[in-house]
Amino acid sequence: MTYVIALPCVDVKDKACVEECPVDCIYEGPRSLYINPDECVDCGACEPVCPTEAIFYEDDLPSELASWKSINANFFSELGTPGGAARLGPQEFDEPSVAALPPQA
């Protein structure tokens, strides 16, 4: 199991979650943040600090946001499991369905 970052993060990227994550598994794309499902240890530290309430335990994703579990995982399809977001830095790409979204207000 893992935590998932969903639509409310797109075009906001507050990054309070990044600062709280003890295993550095939250990666940054141009428009959104993504939790690496292979690196997340399910501690839950990220969820309460998210000001947009964009982070959900995967089993608690509302039905209208269920696709975000795959969206988070798909972000890592080419990136793999690098073992730490800080070392890697921001990426120059988003998951394709996030990149295709209209700007979020």
N, C-alpha and C. Protein backbone atom coordinates (compact mmCIF):
# COMPACT_ATOMS: atom_id res chain seq x y z
N MET A 1 0.84 -1.18 0.00
CA MET A 1 0.00 0.00 0.00
C MET A 1 0.88 1.24 0.00
N THR A 2 0.28 2.33 -0.45
CA THR A 2 1.03 3.58 -0.54
C THR A 2 0.08 4.76 -0.46
N TYR A 3 0.64 5.92 -0.33
CA TYR A 3 -0.13 7.16 -0.41
C TYR A 3 -0.07 7.65 -1.84
N VAL A 4 -1.07 8.45 -2.22
CA VAL A 4 -1.23 8.92 -3.59
C VAL A 4 -1.49 10.42 -3.56
N ILE A 5 -0.86 11.14 -4.47
CA ILE A 5 -1.14 12.57 -4.64
C ILE A 5 -2.10 12.71 -5.81
N ALA A 6 -3.20 13.46 -5.60
CA ALA A 6 -4.26 13.55 -6.60
C ALA A 6 -4.41 14.97 -7.16
N LEU A 7 -5.45 15.17 -7.91
CA LEU A 7 -5.72 16.39 -8.68
C LEU A 7 -5.54 17.71 -7.92
N PRO A 8 -5.93 17.82 -6.64
CA PRO A 8 -5.77 19.13 -5.99
C PRO A 8 -4.34 19.65 -5.93
N CYS A 9 -3.35 18.81 -6.18
CA CYS A 9 -1.95 19.24 -6.18
C CYS A 9 -1.55 19.90 -7.50
N VAL A 10 -2.22 19.56 -8.57
CA VAL A 10 -1.82 20.03 -9.90
C VAL A 10 -1.84 21.56 -9.95
N ASP A 11 -0.75 22.12 -10.37
CA ASP A 11 -0.51 23.56 -10.51
C ASP A 11 -0.43 24.30 -9.17
N VAL A 12 -0.37 23.54 -8.05
CA VAL A 12 -0.21 24.15 -6.73
C VAL A 12 1.17 23.79 -6.16
N LYS A 13 1.45 22.50 -6.02
CA LYS A 13 2.73 21.97 -5.53
C LYS A 13 3.25 22.72 -4.30
N ASP A 14 2.49 22.71 -3.22
CA ASP A 14 2.87 23.40 -1.99
C ASP A 14 4.19 22.89 -1.40
N LYS A 15 4.47 21.62 -1.49
CA LYS A 15 5.70 20.96 -1.06
C LYS A 15 5.86 20.80 0.46
N ALA A 16 4.84 21.11 1.25
CA ALA A 16 4.92 20.83 2.69
C ALA A 16 5.11 19.34 2.90
N CYS A 17 4.51 18.54 2.04
CA CYS A 17 4.63 17.07 2.14
C CYS A 17 6.07 16.62 1.92
N VAL A 18 6.75 17.27 1.00
CA VAL A 18 8.15 16.92 0.70
C VAL A 18 9.00 17.10 1.95
N GLU A 19 8.77 18.19 2.66
CA GLU A 19 9.54 18.48 3.86
C GLU A 19 9.27 17.48 4.98
N GLU A 20 8.06 16.91 5.02
CA GLU A 20 7.69 15.96 6.07
C GLU A 20 8.08 14.52 5.77
N CYS A 21 8.29 14.19 4.52
CA CYS A 21 8.52 12.79 4.13
C CYS A 21 9.88 12.30 4.65
N PRO A 22 9.88 11.29 5.53
CA PRO A 22 11.14 10.81 6.09
C PRO A 22 11.97 9.95 5.15
N VAL A 23 11.37 9.49 4.04
CA VAL A 23 12.11 8.63 3.11
C VAL A 23 12.34 9.28 1.75
N ASP A 24 11.98 10.56 1.61
CA ASP A 24 12.28 11.32 0.39
C ASP A 24 11.70 10.65 -0.86
N CYS A 25 10.41 10.25 -0.78
CA CYS A 25 9.80 9.52 -1.91
C CYS A 25 8.82 10.36 -2.71
N ILE A 26 8.79 11.68 -2.47
CA ILE A 26 7.87 12.55 -3.20
C ILE A 26 8.67 13.33 -4.25
N TYR A 27 8.37 13.04 -5.50
CA TYR A 27 9.10 13.59 -6.64
C TYR A 27 8.30 14.71 -7.29
N GLU A 28 9.01 15.59 -7.95
CA GLU A 28 8.38 16.78 -8.53
C GLU A 28 8.44 16.78 -10.05
N GLY A 29 7.27 16.99 -10.66
CA GLY A 29 7.18 17.26 -12.07
C GLY A 29 6.86 18.74 -12.23
N PRO A 30 6.76 19.25 -13.45
CA PRO A 30 6.47 20.67 -13.65
C PRO A 30 5.13 21.13 -13.07
N ARG A 31 4.13 20.24 -13.08
CA ARG A 31 2.79 20.65 -12.64
C ARG A 31 2.29 19.96 -11.38
N SER A 32 2.92 18.87 -10.97
CA SER A 32 2.42 18.11 -9.83
C SER A 32 3.55 17.39 -9.11
N LEU A 33 3.24 16.92 -7.92
CA LEU A 33 4.13 16.07 -7.15
C LEU A 33 3.61 14.65 -7.25
N TYR A 34 4.49 13.67 -7.07
CA TYR A 34 4.14 12.26 -7.21
C TYR A 34 4.83 11.45 -6.12
N ILE A 35 4.11 10.50 -5.53
CA ILE A 35 4.69 9.61 -4.53
C ILE A 35 5.11 8.31 -5.21
N ASN A 36 6.38 7.95 -5.03
CA ASN A 36 6.87 6.70 -5.60
C ASN A 36 6.31 5.54 -4.78
N PRO A 37 5.46 4.70 -5.38
CA PRO A 37 4.84 3.61 -4.62
C PRO A 37 5.82 2.56 -4.12
N ASP A 38 6.99 2.47 -4.75
CA ASP A 38 7.99 1.49 -4.31
C ASP A 38 8.87 2.02 -3.18
N GLU A 39 8.86 3.32 -2.96
CA GLU A 39 9.69 3.92 -1.92
C GLU A 39 8.89 4.36 -0.70
N CYS A 40 7.59 4.57 -0.86
CA CYS A 40 6.73 5.01 0.23
C CYS A 40 6.64 3.92 1.30
N VAL A 41 6.80 4.31 2.56
CA VAL A 41 6.74 3.36 3.67
C VAL A 41 5.42 3.46 4.43
N ASP A 42 4.46 4.16 3.87
CA ASP A 42 3.11 4.28 4.44
C ASP A 42 3.10 4.90 5.84
N CYS A 43 3.99 5.83 6.11
CA CYS A 43 4.03 6.44 7.44
C CYS A 43 2.90 7.45 7.64
N GLY A 44 2.43 8.05 6.54
CA GLY A 44 1.33 9.01 6.63
C GLY A 44 1.73 10.41 7.02
N ALA A 45 3.00 10.71 7.15
CA ALA A 45 3.44 12.04 7.56
C ALA A 45 3.03 13.12 6.57
N CYS A 46 2.94 12.77 5.30
CA CYS A 46 2.63 13.74 4.25
C CYS A 46 1.17 14.20 4.26
N GLU A 47 0.28 13.30 4.58
CA GLU A 47 -1.16 13.58 4.43
C GLU A 47 -1.66 14.77 5.26
N PRO A 48 -1.39 14.85 6.56
CA PRO A 48 -1.97 15.95 7.34
C PRO A 48 -1.38 17.33 7.04
N VAL A 49 -0.21 17.40 6.43
CA VAL A 49 0.40 18.71 6.17
C VAL A 49 0.02 19.28 4.81
N CYS A 50 -0.68 18.52 3.98
CA CYS A 50 -1.05 18.99 2.64
C CYS A 50 -2.18 20.02 2.75
N PRO A 51 -1.91 21.28 2.38
CA PRO A 51 -2.94 22.31 2.52
C PRO A 51 -4.09 22.18 1.51
N THR A 52 -3.88 21.44 0.43
CA THR A 52 -4.95 21.28 -0.56
C THR A 52 -5.69 19.95 -0.40
N GLU A 53 -5.30 19.16 0.60
CA GLU A 53 -5.90 17.85 0.85
C GLU A 53 -5.85 16.97 -0.40
N ALA A 54 -4.68 16.94 -1.02
CA ALA A 54 -4.47 16.19 -2.26
C ALA A 54 -3.91 14.80 -2.01
N ILE A 55 -3.54 14.47 -0.78
CA ILE A 55 -2.88 13.20 -0.49
C ILE A 55 -3.86 12.25 0.20
N PHE A 56 -3.92 11.04 -0.34
CA PHE A 56 -4.83 10.02 0.18
C PHE A 56 -4.10 8.70 0.32
N TYR A 57 -4.48 7.93 1.34
CA TYR A 57 -4.05 6.53 1.40
C TYR A 57 -4.75 5.86 0.23
N GLU A 58 -4.06 5.01 -0.51
CA GLU A 58 -4.62 4.48 -1.76
C GLU A 58 -5.99 3.83 -1.59
N ASP A 59 -6.23 3.16 -0.47
CA ASP A 59 -7.54 2.54 -0.23
C ASP A 59 -8.62 3.55 0.09
N ASP A 60 -8.23 4.79 0.40
CA ASP A 60 -9.18 5.83 0.77
C ASP A 60 -9.41 6.86 -0.33
N LEU A 61 -8.88 6.60 -1.52
CA LEU A 61 -9.09 7.54 -2.63
C LEU A 61 -10.58 7.61 -2.95
N PRO A 62 -11.13 8.82 -3.03
CA PRO A 62 -12.52 8.94 -3.47
C PRO A 62 -12.66 8.37 -4.88
N SER A 63 -13.81 7.83 -5.21
CA SER A 63 -13.99 7.17 -6.50
C SER A 63 -13.66 8.08 -7.67
N GLU A 64 -13.96 9.38 -7.56
CA GLU A 64 -13.68 10.30 -8.66
C GLU A 64 -12.18 10.56 -8.84
N LEU A 65 -11.37 10.16 -7.87
CA LEU A 65 -9.92 10.33 -7.95
C LEU A 65 -9.18 9.01 -8.06
N ALA A 66 -9.89 7.91 -8.25
CA ALA A 66 -9.29 6.57 -8.26
C ALA A 66 -8.19 6.43 -9.31
N SER A 67 -8.30 7.11 -10.43
CA SER A 67 -7.30 7.00 -11.49
C SER A 67 -5.94 7.55 -11.07
N TRP A 68 -5.90 8.34 -10.02
CA TRP A 68 -4.65 8.95 -9.58
C TRP A 68 -3.68 7.94 -8.99
N LYS A 69 -4.16 6.78 -8.57
CA LYS A 69 -3.25 5.73 -8.12
C LYS A 69 -2.36 5.31 -9.29
N SER A 70 -2.96 5.10 -10.45
CA SER A 70 -2.20 4.74 -11.64
C SER A 70 -1.36 5.90 -12.15
N ILE A 71 -1.90 7.09 -12.07
CA ILE A 71 -1.16 8.27 -12.52
C ILE A 71 0.15 8.41 -11.75
N ASN A 72 0.08 8.26 -10.40
CA ASN A 72 1.30 8.34 -9.60
C ASN A 72 2.28 7.25 -10.01
N ALA A 73 1.81 6.03 -10.15
CA ALA A 73 2.68 4.91 -10.51
C ALA A 73 3.27 5.10 -11.91
N ASN A 74 2.46 5.59 -12.84
CA ASN A 74 2.92 5.78 -14.23
C ASN A 74 4.05 6.80 -14.33
N PHE A 75 4.07 7.78 -13.44
CA PHE A 75 5.13 8.78 -13.46
C PHE A 75 6.51 8.11 -13.34
N PHE A 76 6.54 6.97 -12.66
CA PHE A 76 7.81 6.27 -12.41
C PHE A 76 8.09 5.16 -13.41
N SER A 77 7.27 5.03 -14.45
CA SER A 77 7.47 3.94 -15.41
C SER A 77 8.83 4.02 -16.10
N GLU A 78 9.29 5.19 -16.43
CA GLU A 78 10.63 5.33 -17.02
C GLU A 78 11.67 5.75 -15.98
N LEU A 79 11.23 6.49 -14.99
CA LEU A 79 12.14 6.99 -13.97
C LEU A 79 12.63 5.87 -13.05
N GLY A 80 11.78 4.88 -12.84
CA GLY A 80 12.13 3.76 -11.97
C GLY A 80 12.06 4.13 -10.51
N THR A 81 12.95 3.56 -9.74
CA THR A 81 13.02 3.79 -8.29
C THR A 81 14.41 4.34 -7.98
N PRO A 82 14.57 5.66 -8.14
CA PRO A 82 15.90 6.26 -8.00
C PRO A 82 16.45 6.30 -6.58
N GLY A 83 15.57 6.11 -5.58
CA GLY A 83 16.06 6.08 -4.20
C GLY A 83 16.22 7.44 -3.55
N GLY A 84 15.42 8.39 -3.95
CA GLY A 84 15.45 9.69 -3.28
C GLY A 84 15.21 10.84 -4.23
N ALA A 85 14.18 11.61 -3.94
CA ALA A 85 13.80 12.73 -4.80
C ALA A 85 14.79 13.89 -4.71
N ALA A 86 15.31 14.18 -3.53
CA ALA A 86 16.20 15.33 -3.37
C ALA A 86 17.45 15.19 -4.23
N ARG A 87 17.99 14.00 -4.27
CA ARG A 87 19.20 13.75 -5.06
C ARG A 87 18.92 13.95 -6.55
N LEU A 88 17.74 13.54 -6.98
CA LEU A 88 17.37 13.60 -8.39
C LEU A 88 16.95 15.01 -8.83
N GLY A 89 16.28 15.72 -7.94
CA GLY A 89 15.80 17.07 -8.26
C GLY A 89 14.52 17.04 -9.08
N PRO A 90 13.96 18.22 -9.38
CA PRO A 90 12.74 18.28 -10.17
C PRO A 90 12.94 17.67 -11.56
N GLN A 91 11.91 17.00 -12.03
CA GLN A 91 11.94 16.39 -13.35
C GLN A 91 11.35 17.36 -14.38
N GLU A 92 11.68 17.16 -15.63
CA GLU A 92 11.21 18.04 -16.70
C GLU A 92 9.95 17.51 -17.36
N PHE A 93 9.30 16.51 -16.77
CA PHE A 93 8.11 15.93 -17.36
C PHE A 93 7.08 15.63 -16.28
N ASP A 94 5.84 15.56 -16.69
CA ASP A 94 4.74 15.10 -15.84
C ASP A 94 4.20 13.81 -16.44
N GLU A 95 3.43 13.09 -15.68
CA GLU A 95 2.71 11.93 -16.21
C GLU A 95 1.84 12.47 -17.35
N PRO A 96 1.71 11.79 -18.47
CA PRO A 96 1.02 12.33 -19.65
C PRO A 96 -0.40 12.86 -19.40
N SER A 97 -1.18 12.19 -18.58
CA SER A 97 -2.54 12.69 -18.34
C SER A 97 -2.52 13.97 -17.50
N VAL A 98 -1.52 14.15 -16.66
CA VAL A 98 -1.38 15.40 -15.90
C VAL A 98 -0.94 16.51 -16.84
N ALA A 99 0.02 16.22 -17.69
CA ALA A 99 0.50 17.22 -18.65
C ALA A 99 -0.62 17.70 -19.57
N ALA A 100 -1.59 16.83 -19.86
CA ALA A 100 -2.68 17.18 -20.76
C ALA A 100 -3.83 17.93 -20.10
N LEU A 101 -3.80 18.03 -18.76
CA LEU A 101 -4.88 18.73 -18.08
C LEU A 101 -4.87 20.22 -18.40
N PRO A 102 -6.05 20.85 -18.44
CA PRO A 102 -6.06 22.31 -18.57
C PRO A 102 -5.52 22.92 -17.29
N PRO A 103 -5.07 24.15 -17.32
CA PRO A 103 -4.57 24.80 -16.09
C PRO A 103 -5.64 24.75 -15.00
N GLN A 104 -5.18 24.44 -13.79
CA GLN A 104 -6.09 24.37 -12.65
C GLN A 104 -6.12 25.72 -11.94
N ALA A 105 -7.29 26.15 -11.59
CA ALA A 105 -7.44 27.46 -10.91
C ALA A 105 -7.08 27.35 -9.45
